[in-house]
Amino acid sequence: MRDREIFQVMCEPAKGGSPTARRPLSLHDGPDSPFVHLCQPDASKSCGACCGLYNYADSGREALAARLRRRTALFRTTVGGPEDLPRFSDTVKGLEDGTRRYEVIHCCEYVGFLDAEERRVGCLLHPMQNGGRDLREASFYGRDLCDGHFCPSYSYLARAEKLALLEILDDWYLYGVCVTDIDIVKEFFRHVSEALGEMPGPARFARPEIRDEARRFFELKLAWPFRSEAANRFGKYSFDGTEYSIQAIDYGALGCGKSRFDRIFLSLQSDFRSAGDVRRAEAIIRERLDAVVLRCREPMDSR
């Protein structure tokens, strides 16, 4: 399935619904299809992480939204063809703080909002944004690489995990930081599955009461009381110019054993100061996971 086909469906209104009605394409791929589109999965969200969106030193929601909004408005009013792209690029770079967290990862200036409701982020150079003209050769990576690149989540997340995550999240910012964080996604479904004795089917997460509790868990990526505020941290990674390393929690120095939620703690960019911090963090994770399990155990409404 090429990206033009994906974008075509994304830009068409749902029958009997609004243009932004949530329509997870992947749920209609068929039971034998291994492919689940994660970049532009439906009209309620998308991910721009591979374009370097979260690599800015200030990659908070408000900062990124302002950046994307300004670019989109500038693109719509100043770009009529490829001849206008150099000036657009220079203008964006002149207006924005381009400080990056990790120097090796390019931050593309052509990422913007694809819809008026600002629910989906993506490539402003894509043909579906330009009347069929493909302008992506002007980008840093070029058309072929942008068209054919698939992030590691495509390979490492199971199909059921992908489909369930699409049901749970409908916010571009939260979706982007979660779908690219393989550890937190797999750990969430592992803990829930172990408690239930089975992996809940993706359709279970379409139930509002289950979806809401699952979303509460993933929202810890946005607000975590033990989050390190170091500018060079992003999830479990620490960056130093062109080098990076995987951060580790020294439980021995804290006076406690390694937590069963260690992978989740690393994904949440945790910086603990005491064994008490670890215990309190574990209590928060347990509460969020237990709430999902409890909802999953409730009998389905047969009406």
C-alpha atoms as a PDB file:
ATOM      1  CA  MET A   1       0.000   0.000   0.000  1.00  0.00           C
ATOM      2  CA  ARG A   2       1.739   3.167  -1.135  1.00  0.00           C
ATOM      3  CA  ASP A   3       1.476   6.466   0.692  1.00  0.00           C
ATOM      4  CA  ARG A   4      -0.580   8.135  -2.056  1.00  0.00           C
ATOM      5  CA  GLU A   5      -3.357   5.590  -1.490  1.00  0.00           C
ATOM      6  CA  ILE A   6      -3.187   6.143   2.260  1.00  0.00           C
ATOM      7  CA  PHE A   7      -3.349   9.930   1.940  1.00  0.00           C
ATOM      8  CA  GLN A   8      -6.175   9.708  -0.585  1.00  0.00           C
ATOM      9  CA  VAL A   9      -8.390   7.865   1.881  1.00  0.00           C
ATOM     10  CA  MET A  10      -7.316  10.177   4.686  1.00  0.00           C
ATOM     11  CA  CYS A  11      -8.418  13.247   2.754  1.00  0.00           C
ATOM     12  CA  GLU A  12     -11.844  11.882   1.882  1.00  0.00           C
ATOM     13  CA  PRO A  13     -14.734  12.439   4.319  1.00  0.00           C
ATOM     14  CA  ALA A  14     -16.181   9.358   5.961  1.00  0.00           C
ATOM     15  CA  LYS A  15     -19.566   8.417   4.589  1.00  0.00           C
ATOM     16  CA  GLY A  16     -22.214   9.872   6.839  1.00  0.00           C
ATOM     17  CA  GLY A  17     -19.616  11.562   9.020  1.00  0.00           C
ATOM     18  CA  SER A  18     -17.305  14.529   9.266  1.00  0.00           C
ATOM     19  CA  PRO A  19     -13.929  14.697   7.461  1.00  0.00           C
ATOM     20  CA  THR A  20     -12.188  14.130  10.810  1.00  0.00           C
ATOM     21  CA  ALA A  21     -14.311  11.183  11.911  1.00  0.00           C
ATOM     22  CA  ARG A  22     -12.061   8.466  13.260  1.00  0.00           C
ATOM     23  CA  ARG A  23     -11.661   5.727  10.656  1.00  0.00           C
ATOM     24  CA  PRO A  24      -8.775   3.402  11.491  1.00  0.00           C
ATOM     25  CA  LEU A  25      -7.870   2.058   8.067  1.00  0.00           C
ATOM     26  CA  SER A  26      -5.954  -0.842   9.515  1.00  0.00           C
ATOM     27  CA  LEU A  27      -9.052  -2.433  10.996  1.00  0.00           C
ATOM     28  CA  HIS A  28     -10.224  -2.978   7.427  1.00  0.00           C
ATOM     29  CA  ASP A  29      -7.000  -4.486   6.114  1.00  0.00           C
ATOM     30  CA  GLY A  30      -8.431  -7.987   6.534  1.00  0.00           C
ATOM     31  CA  PRO A  31      -7.464 -10.728   8.995  1.00  0.00           C
ATOM     32  CA  ASP A  32      -4.642 -12.025   6.795  1.00  0.00           C
ATOM     33  CA  SER A  33      -2.963  -8.706   6.086  1.00  0.00           C
ATOM     34  CA  PRO A  34       0.238  -8.186   8.102  1.00  0.00           C
ATOM     35  CA  PHE A  35       0.425  -4.474   7.244  1.00  0.00           C
ATOM     36  CA  VAL A  36      -0.833  -1.781   9.572  1.00  0.00           C
ATOM     37  CA  HIS A  37      -0.153   1.810   8.538  1.00  0.00           C
ATOM     38  CA  LEU A  38       1.238   3.729  11.518  1.00  0.00           C
ATOM     39  CA  CYS A  39       2.309   7.008   9.890  1.00  0.00           C
ATOM     40  CA  GLN A  40      -1.157   8.174   8.769  1.00  0.00           C
ATOM     41  CA  PRO A  41      -3.503   5.600  10.326  1.00  0.00           C
ATOM     42  CA  ASP A  42      -6.729   7.586  10.382  1.00  0.00           C
ATOM     43  CA  ALA A  43      -8.278  11.037  10.302  1.00  0.00           C
ATOM     44  CA  SER A  44      -7.799  11.673  14.024  1.00  0.00           C
ATOM     45  CA  LYS A  45      -4.015  11.419  14.311  1.00  0.00           C
ATOM     46  CA  SER A  46      -0.679  10.805  12.625  1.00  0.00           C
ATOM     47  CA  CYS A  47       3.017  10.665  13.451  1.00  0.00           C
ATOM     48  CA  GLY A  48       5.880  12.885  12.287  1.00  0.00           C
ATOM     49  CA  ALA A  49       8.642  11.458  14.450  1.00  0.00           C
ATOM     50  CA  CYS A  50      10.740  10.213  11.528  1.00  0.00           C
ATOM     51  CA  CYS A  51      10.806  13.803  10.247  1.00  0.00           C
ATOM     52  CA  GLY A  52      12.619  14.842  13.428  1.00  0.00           C
ATOM     53  CA  LEU A  53       9.543  16.435  14.990  1.00  0.00           C
ATOM     54  CA  TYR A  54      10.468  15.389  18.542  1.00  0.00           C
ATOM     55  CA  ASN A  55      14.169  16.087  18.113  1.00  0.00           C
ATOM     56  CA  TYR A  56      13.950  19.806  18.811  1.00  0.00           C
ATOM     57  CA  ALA A  57      15.393  20.829  22.165  1.00  0.00           C
ATOM     58  CA  ASP A  58      11.960  22.250  22.957  1.00  0.00           C
ATOM     59  CA  SER A  59       9.632  19.511  21.769  1.00  0.00           C
ATOM     60  CA  GLY A  60       6.726  20.157  24.116  1.00  0.00           C
ATOM     61  CA  ARG A  61       3.229  20.114  22.679  1.00  0.00           C
ATOM     62  CA  GLU A  62       2.655  23.871  22.662  1.00  0.00           C
ATOM     63  CA  ALA A  63       6.045  24.637  21.157  1.00  0.00           C
ATOM     64  CA  LEU A  64       5.608  22.092  18.374  1.00  0.00           C
ATOM     65  CA  ALA A  65       2.011  23.109  17.666  1.00  0.00           C
ATOM     66  CA  ALA A  66       3.067  26.750  17.291  1.00  0.00           C
ATOM     67  CA  ARG A  67       5.930  25.722  15.021  1.00  0.00           C
ATOM     68  CA  LEU A  68       3.691  23.573  12.817  1.00  0.00           C
ATOM     69  CA  ARG A  69       0.907  26.167  12.688  1.00  0.00           C
ATOM     70  CA  ARG A  70       3.290  28.917  11.573  1.00  0.00           C
ATOM     71  CA  ARG A  71       4.877  26.728   8.901  1.00  0.00           C
ATOM     72  CA  THR A  72       1.551  25.570   7.531  1.00  0.00           C
ATOM     73  CA  ALA A  73       0.205  29.106   7.205  1.00  0.00           C
ATOM     74  CA  LEU A  74       3.427  30.250   5.536  1.00  0.00           C
ATOM     75  CA  PHE A  75       3.404  27.322   3.114  1.00  0.00           C
ATOM     76  CA  ARG A  76      -0.231  27.849   2.104  1.00  0.00           C
ATOM     77  CA  THR A  77       0.316  31.535   1.404  1.00  0.00           C
ATOM     78  CA  THR A  78       3.766  31.572  -0.202  1.00  0.00           C
ATOM     79  CA  VAL A  79       4.376  28.265  -1.985  1.00  0.00           C
ATOM     80  CA  GLY A  80       2.873  27.887  -5.442  1.00  0.00           C
ATOM     81  CA  GLY A  81       5.470  25.526  -6.875  1.00  0.00           C
ATOM     82  CA  PRO A  82       8.984  24.113  -6.413  1.00  0.00           C
ATOM     83  CA  GLU A  83      10.553  27.453  -7.258  1.00  0.00           C
ATOM     84  CA  ASP A  84       9.144  28.889  -4.003  1.00  0.00           C
ATOM     85  CA  LEU A  85      10.576  26.199  -1.717  1.00  0.00           C
ATOM     86  CA  PRO A  86      14.101  27.618  -1.171  1.00  0.00           C
ATOM     87  CA  ARG A  87      12.655  30.890   0.108  1.00  0.00           C
ATOM     88  CA  PHE A  88      10.174  28.998   2.299  1.00  0.00           C
ATOM     89  CA  SER A  89      12.981  26.900   3.771  1.00  0.00           C
ATOM     90  CA  ASP A  90      15.173  29.934   4.464  1.00  0.00           C
ATOM     91  CA  THR A  91      12.265  31.791   6.069  1.00  0.00           C
ATOM     92  CA  VAL A  92      11.382  28.907   8.381  1.00  0.00           C
ATOM     93  CA  LYS A  93      14.988  28.420   9.446  1.00  0.00           C
ATOM     94  CA  GLY A  94      15.304  32.136  10.094  1.00  0.00           C
ATOM     95  CA  LEU A  95      12.151  32.300  12.233  1.00  0.00           C
ATOM     96  CA  GLU A  96      12.616  29.148  14.287  1.00  0.00           C
ATOM     97  CA  ASP A  97      14.990  27.976  16.982  1.00  0.00           C
ATOM     98  CA  GLY A  98      16.559  24.980  15.265  1.00  0.00           C
ATOM     99  CA  THR A  99      18.440  23.681  18.309  1.00  0.00           C
ATOM    100  CA  ARG A 100      18.328  19.900  18.195  1.00  0.00           C
ATOM    101  CA  ARG A 101      18.506  17.340  20.964  1.00  0.00           C
ATOM    102  CA  TYR A 102      20.501  14.902  18.797  1.00  0.00           C
ATOM    103  CA  GLU A 103      22.586  16.453  16.043  1.00  0.00           C
ATOM    104  CA  VAL A 104      22.557  13.373  13.808  1.00  0.00           C
ATOM    105  CA  ILE A 105      18.770  13.397  13.346  1.00  0.00           C
ATOM    106  CA  HIS A 106      17.577  15.942  10.789  1.00  0.00           C
ATOM    107  CA  CYS A 107      14.565  18.094  11.664  1.00  0.00           C
ATOM    108  CA  CYS A 108      12.588  18.660   8.476  1.00  0.00           C
ATOM    109  CA  GLU A 109      11.205  22.158   7.952  1.00  0.00           C
ATOM    110  CA  TYR A 110       8.458  20.859   5.683  1.00  0.00           C
ATOM    111  CA  VAL A 111       6.427  19.140   8.397  1.00  0.00           C
ATOM    112  CA  GLY A 112       3.139  20.897   9.138  1.00  0.00           C
ATOM    113  CA  PHE A 113      -0.518  20.353   9.871  1.00  0.00           C
ATOM    114  CA  LEU A 114      -2.364  18.519   7.107  1.00  0.00           C
ATOM    115  CA  ASP A 115      -5.887  19.484   8.137  1.00  0.00           C
ATOM    116  CA  ALA A 116      -7.652  22.628   9.304  1.00  0.00           C
ATOM    117  CA  GLU A 117      -8.515  20.992  12.626  1.00  0.00           C
ATOM    118  CA  GLU A 118      -4.806  20.413  13.379  1.00  0.00           C
ATOM    119  CA  ARG A 119      -5.344  16.758  14.150  1.00  0.00           C
ATOM    120  CA  ARG A 120      -2.787  15.344  11.718  1.00  0.00           C
ATOM    121  CA  VAL A 121       0.845  16.241  11.136  1.00  0.00           C
ATOM    122  CA  GLY A 122       2.777  15.314   8.023  1.00  0.00           C
ATOM    123  CA  CYS A 123       4.594  16.363   4.896  1.00  0.00           C
ATOM    124  CA  LEU A 124       3.566  19.644   3.284  1.00  0.00           C
ATOM    125  CA  LEU A 125       5.426  18.558   0.153  1.00  0.00           C
ATOM    126  CA  HIS A 126       3.352  15.434  -0.352  1.00  0.00           C
ATOM    127  CA  PRO A 127       1.336  15.271  -3.615  1.00  0.00           C
ATOM    128  CA  MET A 128      -1.935  14.986  -1.698  1.00  0.00           C
ATOM    129  CA  GLN A 129      -1.185  18.410  -0.258  1.00  0.00           C
ATOM    130  CA  ASN A 130      -0.273  19.968  -3.603  1.00  0.00           C
ATOM    131  CA  GLY A 131      -2.868  18.986  -6.156  1.00  0.00           C
ATOM    132  CA  GLY A 132      -0.986  15.846  -7.164  1.00  0.00           C
ATOM    133  CA  ARG A 133       2.438  17.469  -7.528  1.00  0.00           C
ATOM    134  CA  ASP A 134       5.169  15.696  -5.572  1.00  0.00           C
ATOM    135  CA  LEU A 135       7.567  18.281  -4.168  1.00  0.00           C
ATOM    136  CA  ARG A 136       9.487  15.972  -1.846  1.00  0.00           C
ATOM    137  CA  GLU A 137      12.721  16.097  -3.844  1.00  0.00           C
ATOM    138  CA  ALA A 138      13.302  19.441  -2.122  1.00  0.00           C
ATOM    139  CA  SER A 139      13.496  17.741   1.275  1.00  0.00           C
ATOM    140  CA  PHE A 140      16.709  16.717   2.991  1.00  0.00           C
ATOM    141  CA  TYR A 141      16.126  12.977   2.419  1.00  0.00           C
ATOM    142  CA  GLY A 142      14.412  13.198  -0.972  1.00  0.00           C
ATOM    143  CA  ARG A 143      11.236  11.613  -2.298  1.00  0.00           C
ATOM    144  CA  ASP A 144      12.295   7.969  -2.458  1.00  0.00           C
ATOM    145  CA  LEU A 145      13.526   7.724   1.117  1.00  0.00           C
ATOM    146  CA  CYS A 146      10.558   9.632   2.516  1.00  0.00           C
ATOM    147  CA  ASP A 147       8.166   7.444   0.532  1.00  0.00           C
ATOM    148  CA  GLY A 148       9.750   4.128   1.472  1.00  0.00           C
ATOM    149  CA  HIS A 149      10.873   4.596   5.077  1.00  0.00           C
ATOM    150  CA  PHE A 150       9.189   2.630   7.868  1.00  0.00           C
ATOM    151  CA  CYS A 151      10.269   3.110  11.478  1.00  0.00           C
ATOM    152  CA  PRO A 152      11.252   0.160  13.760  1.00  0.00           C
ATOM    153  CA  SER A 153       7.755   0.081  15.271  1.00  0.00           C
ATOM    154  CA  TYR A 154       6.501  -1.438  12.031  1.00  0.00           C
ATOM    155  CA  SER A 155       8.753  -4.447  12.647  1.00  0.00           C
ATOM    156  CA  TYR A 156       8.801  -4.790  16.428  1.00  0.00           C
ATOM    157  CA  LEU A 157       5.179  -4.182  17.394  1.00  0.00           C
ATOM    158  CA  ALA A 158       2.824  -7.096  16.859  1.00  0.00           C
ATOM    159  CA  ARG A 159      -0.157  -6.494  14.602  1.00  0.00           C
ATOM    160  CA  ALA A 160      -2.578  -6.777  17.531  1.00  0.00           C
ATOM    161  CA  GLU A 161      -0.529  -4.236  19.502  1.00  0.00           C
ATOM    162  CA  LYS A 162      -0.591  -1.789  16.593  1.00  0.00           C
ATOM    163  CA  LEU A 163      -4.331  -2.111  16.074  1.00  0.00           C
ATOM    164  CA  ALA A 164      -5.074  -1.775  19.778  1.00  0.00           C
ATOM    165  CA  LEU A 165      -2.879   1.329  20.051  1.00  0.00           C
ATOM    166  CA  LEU A 166      -4.764   2.901  17.146  1.00  0.00           C
ATOM    167  CA  GLU A 167      -7.990   2.386  19.082  1.00  0.00           C
ATOM    168  CA  ILE A 168      -6.565   3.844  22.292  1.00  0.00           C
ATOM    169  CA  LEU A 169      -4.951   7.078  21.057  1.00  0.00           C
ATOM    170  CA  ASP A 170      -6.482   9.867  18.982  1.00  0.00           C
ATOM    171  CA  ASP A 171      -4.094  12.760  19.653  1.00  0.00           C
ATOM    172  CA  TRP A 172      -1.218  13.453  17.242  1.00  0.00           C
ATOM    173  CA  TYR A 173       1.249  14.502  19.933  1.00  0.00           C
ATOM    174  CA  LEU A 174       0.634  11.642  22.356  1.00  0.00           C
ATOM    175  CA  TYR A 175       0.336   9.136  19.520  1.00  0.00           C
ATOM    176  CA  GLY A 176       3.696  10.187  18.078  1.00  0.00           C
ATOM    177  CA  VAL A 177       5.618   9.852  21.337  1.00  0.00           C
ATOM    178  CA  CYS A 178       3.980   6.485  22.101  1.00  0.00           C
ATOM    179  CA  VAL A 179       3.910   4.634  18.783  1.00  0.00           C
ATOM    180  CA  THR A 180       7.657   5.199  18.382  1.00  0.00           C
ATOM    181  CA  ASP A 181       8.380   4.061  21.948  1.00  0.00           C
ATOM    182  CA  ILE A 182       8.417   0.308  21.407  1.00  0.00           C
ATOM    183  CA  ASP A 183       9.244  -0.515  25.025  1.00  0.00           C
ATOM    184  CA  ILE A 184       6.300   1.257  26.638  1.00  0.00           C
ATOM    185  CA  VAL A 185       3.825  -0.166  24.126  1.00  0.00           C
ATOM    186  CA  LYS A 186       5.048  -3.739  24.476  1.00  0.00           C
ATOM    187  CA  GLU A 187       5.343  -3.503  28.270  1.00  0.00           C
ATOM    188  CA  PHE A 188       1.804  -2.176  28.556  1.00  0.00           C
ATOM    189  CA  PHE A 189       0.348  -5.065  26.574  1.00  0.00           C
ATOM    190  CA  ARG A 190       2.608  -7.600  28.292  1.00  0.00           C
ATOM    191  CA  HIS A 191       1.496  -6.622  31.784  1.00  0.00           C
ATOM    192  CA  VAL A 192      -2.166  -6.454  30.782  1.00  0.00           C
ATOM    193  CA  SER A 193      -1.981  -9.788  28.969  1.00  0.00           C
ATOM    194  CA  GLU A 194      -0.236 -11.529  31.869  1.00  0.00           C
ATOM    195  CA  ALA A 195      -2.874 -10.296  34.304  1.00  0.00           C
ATOM    196  CA  LEU A 196      -5.733 -11.419  32.040  1.00  0.00           C
ATOM    197  CA  GLY A 197      -4.137 -14.639  30.826  1.00  0.00           C
ATOM    198  CA  GLU A 198      -4.514 -13.506  27.206  1.00  0.00           C
ATOM    199  CA  MET A 199      -3.929 -10.556  24.907  1.00  0.00           C
ATOM    200  CA  PRO A 200      -7.180  -8.594  24.636  1.00  0.00           C
ATOM    201  CA  GLY A 201      -8.263  -8.279  21.017  1.00  0.00           C
ATOM    202  CA  PRO A 202      -7.869  -4.818  19.476  1.00  0.00           C
ATOM    203  CA  ALA A 203     -11.648  -4.390  19.251  1.00  0.00           C
ATOM    204  CA  ARG A 204     -11.850  -4.571  23.051  1.00  0.00           C
ATOM    205  CA  PHE A 205     -10.010  -1.253  23.226  1.00  0.00           C
ATOM    206  CA  ALA A 206     -12.716   0.388  21.146  1.00  0.00           C
ATOM    207  CA  ARG A 207     -14.964   0.143  24.207  1.00  0.00           C
ATOM    208  CA  PRO A 208     -14.866   3.640  25.775  1.00  0.00           C
ATOM    209  CA  GLU A 209     -14.403   2.412  29.345  1.00  0.00           C
ATOM    210  CA  ILE A 210     -11.355   0.306  28.381  1.00  0.00           C
ATOM    211  CA  ARG A 211      -9.969   2.850  25.934  1.00  0.00           C
ATOM    212  CA  ASP A 212     -10.135   5.638  28.501  1.00  0.00           C
ATOM    213  CA  GLU A 213      -8.243   3.675  31.145  1.00  0.00           C
ATOM    214  CA  ALA A 214      -5.618   2.568  28.630  1.00  0.00           C
ATOM    215  CA  ARG A 215      -5.226   6.159  27.492  1.00  0.00           C
ATOM    216  CA  ARG A 216      -4.661   7.208  31.120  1.00  0.00           C
ATOM    217  CA  PHE A 217      -1.688   4.860  31.202  1.00  0.00           C
ATOM    218  CA  PHE A 218      -0.121   6.270  28.043  1.00  0.00           C
ATOM    219  CA  GLU A 219      -0.769   9.835  29.193  1.00  0.00           C
ATOM    220  CA  LEU A 220       1.981   9.243  31.741  1.00  0.00           C
ATOM    221  CA  LYS A 221       4.258  10.084  28.804  1.00  0.00           C
ATOM    222  CA  LEU A 222       2.940  13.638  29.096  1.00  0.00           C
ATOM    223  CA  ALA A 223       2.858  14.050  32.851  1.00  0.00           C
ATOM    224  CA  TRP A 224       5.144  11.891  34.986  1.00  0.00           C
ATOM    225  CA  PRO A 225       6.141  13.204  38.427  1.00  0.00           C
ATOM    226  CA  PHE A 226       9.580  11.550  38.285  1.00  0.00           C
ATOM    227  CA  ARG A 227      10.466  12.767  34.806  1.00  0.00           C
ATOM    228  CA  SER A 228      14.009  14.025  34.250  1.00  0.00           C
ATOM    229  CA  GLU A 229      14.001  17.566  32.931  1.00  0.00           C
ATOM    230  CA  ALA A 230      17.449  17.243  31.359  1.00  0.00           C
ATOM    231  CA  ALA A 231      17.307  18.688  27.852  1.00  0.00           C
ATOM    232  CA  ASN A 232      19.433  15.862  26.456  1.00  0.00           C
ATOM    233  CA  ARG A 233      17.062  13.116  27.631  1.00  0.00           C
ATOM    234  CA  PHE A 234      14.313  11.590  25.511  1.00  0.00           C
ATOM    235  CA  GLY A 235      12.714   8.468  26.907  1.00  0.00           C
ATOM    236  CA  LYS A 236      15.427   5.949  27.764  1.00  0.00           C
ATOM    237  CA  TYR A 237      18.044   7.743  25.657  1.00  0.00           C
ATOM    238  CA  SER A 238      20.626  10.348  26.608  1.00  0.00           C
ATOM    239  CA  PHE A 239      22.172  12.431  23.837  1.00  0.00           C
ATOM    240  CA  ASP A 240      25.512  14.201  23.641  1.00  0.00           C
ATOM    241  CA  GLY A 241      25.985  15.932  20.304  1.00  0.00           C
ATOM    242  CA  THR A 242      26.414  13.092  17.820  1.00  0.00           C
ATOM    243  CA  GLU A 243      26.556  10.361  20.466  1.00  0.00           C
ATOM    244  CA  TYR A 244      23.779   8.668  22.398  1.00  0.00           C
ATOM    245  CA  SER A 245      23.489   6.085  25.162  1.00  0.00           C
ATOM    246  CA  ILE A 246      20.725   4.167  26.883  1.00  0.00           C
ATOM    247  CA  GLN A 247      20.083   5.492  30.345  1.00  0.00           C
ATOM    248  CA  ALA A 248      20.045   3.024  33.252  1.00  0.00           C
ATOM    249  CA  ILE A 249      18.519   3.334  36.698  1.00  0.00           C
ATOM    250  CA  ASP A 250      21.003   2.488  39.462  1.00  0.00           C
ATOM    251  CA  TYR A 251      18.662   0.676  41.828  1.00  0.00           C
ATOM    252  CA  GLY A 252      21.561  -0.420  44.021  1.00  0.00           C
ATOM    253  CA  ALA A 253      22.477   3.178  44.753  1.00  0.00           C
ATOM    254  CA  LEU A 254      18.831   3.829  45.645  1.00  0.00           C
ATOM    255  CA  GLY A 255      18.834   0.927  48.102  1.00  0.00           C
ATOM    256  CA  CYS A 256      16.305  -1.292  46.326  1.00  0.00           C
ATOM    257  CA  GLY A 257      16.074  -4.085  43.777  1.00  0.00           C
ATOM    258  CA  LYS A 258      15.371  -3.665  40.096  1.00  0.00           C
ATOM    259  CA  SER A 259      11.708  -2.861  39.504  1.00  0.00           C
ATOM    260  CA  ARG A 260       9.472  -5.074  37.382  1.00  0.00           C
ATOM    261  CA  PHE A 261       8.464  -1.809  35.697  1.00  0.00           C
ATOM    262  CA  ASP A 262      12.037  -0.853  34.810  1.00  0.00           C
ATOM    263  CA  ARG A 263      11.405  -0.631  31.045  1.00  0.00           C
ATOM    264  CA  ILE A 264       8.365   1.554  31.637  1.00  0.00           C
ATOM    265  CA  PHE A 265      10.329   3.794  33.992  1.00  0.00           C
ATOM    266  CA  LEU A 266      13.045   4.266  31.378  1.00  0.00           C
ATOM    267  CA  SER A 267      10.477   5.095  28.693  1.00  0.00           C
ATOM    268  CA  LEU A 268       9.011   7.695  31.029  1.00  0.00           C
ATOM    269  CA  GLN A 269      12.437   9.325  31.376  1.00  0.00           C
ATOM    270  CA  SER A 270      12.537   8.638  35.118  1.00  0.00           C
ATOM    271  CA  ASP A 271      15.026  10.198  37.500  1.00  0.00           C
ATOM    272  CA  PHE A 272      14.569   8.692  40.977  1.00  0.00           C
ATOM    273  CA  ARG A 273      16.216  10.106  44.072  1.00  0.00           C
ATOM    274  CA  SER A 274      15.295   7.413  46.611  1.00  0.00           C
ATOM    275  CA  ALA A 275      13.794   3.968  47.074  1.00  0.00           C
ATOM    276  CA  GLY A 276      10.644   5.770  48.180  1.00  0.00           C
ATOM    277  CA  ASP A 277      10.421   7.397  44.768  1.00  0.00           C
ATOM    278  CA  VAL A 278      10.603   3.973  43.135  1.00  0.00           C
ATOM    279  CA  ARG A 279       7.846   2.586  45.374  1.00  0.00           C
ATOM    280  CA  ARG A 280       5.599   5.563  44.670  1.00  0.00           C
ATOM    281  CA  ALA A 281       6.247   5.260  40.947  1.00  0.00           C
ATOM    282  CA  GLU A 282       5.406   1.546  41.040  1.00  0.00           C
ATOM    283  CA  ALA A 283       2.138   2.340  42.792  1.00  0.00           C
ATOM    284  CA  ILE A 284       1.170   4.758  40.012  1.00  0.00           C
ATOM    285  CA  ILE A 285       1.968   2.216  37.289  1.00  0.00           C
ATOM    286  CA  ARG A 286       0.103  -0.566  39.108  1.00  0.00           C
ATOM    287  CA  GLU A 287      -2.964   1.612  39.538  1.00  0.00           C
ATOM    288  CA  ARG A 288      -3.090   2.506  35.835  1.00  0.00           C
ATOM    289  CA  LEU A 289      -2.545  -1.077  34.685  1.00  0.00           C
ATOM    290  CA  ASP A 290      -4.984  -2.538  37.213  1.00  0.00           C
ATOM    291  CA  ALA A 291      -7.672  -0.123  36.035  1.00  0.00           C
ATOM    292  CA  VAL A 292      -7.296  -1.431  32.473  1.00  0.00           C
ATOM    293  CA  VAL A 293      -7.376  -5.060  33.606  1.00  0.00           C
ATOM    294  CA  LEU A 294     -10.460  -4.458  35.749  1.00  0.00           C
ATOM    295  CA  ARG A 295     -12.314  -2.918  32.809  1.00  0.00           C
ATOM    296  CA  CYS A 296     -11.271  -5.756  30.528  1.00  0.00           C
ATOM    297  CA  ARG A 297     -12.712  -8.279  32.981  1.00  0.00           C
ATOM    298  CA  GLU A 298     -16.109  -6.648  32.983  1.00  0.00           C
ATOM    299  CA  PRO A 299     -18.681  -8.513  30.861  1.00  0.00           C
ATOM    300  CA  MET A 300     -19.337  -6.921  27.495  1.00  0.00           C
ATOM    301  CA  ASP A 301     -22.677  -5.204  27.056  1.00  0.00           C
ATOM    302  CA  SER A 302     -24.768  -7.605  24.988  1.00  0.00           C
ATOM    303  CA  ARG A 303     -27.181  -4.942  23.825  1.00  0.00           C
END
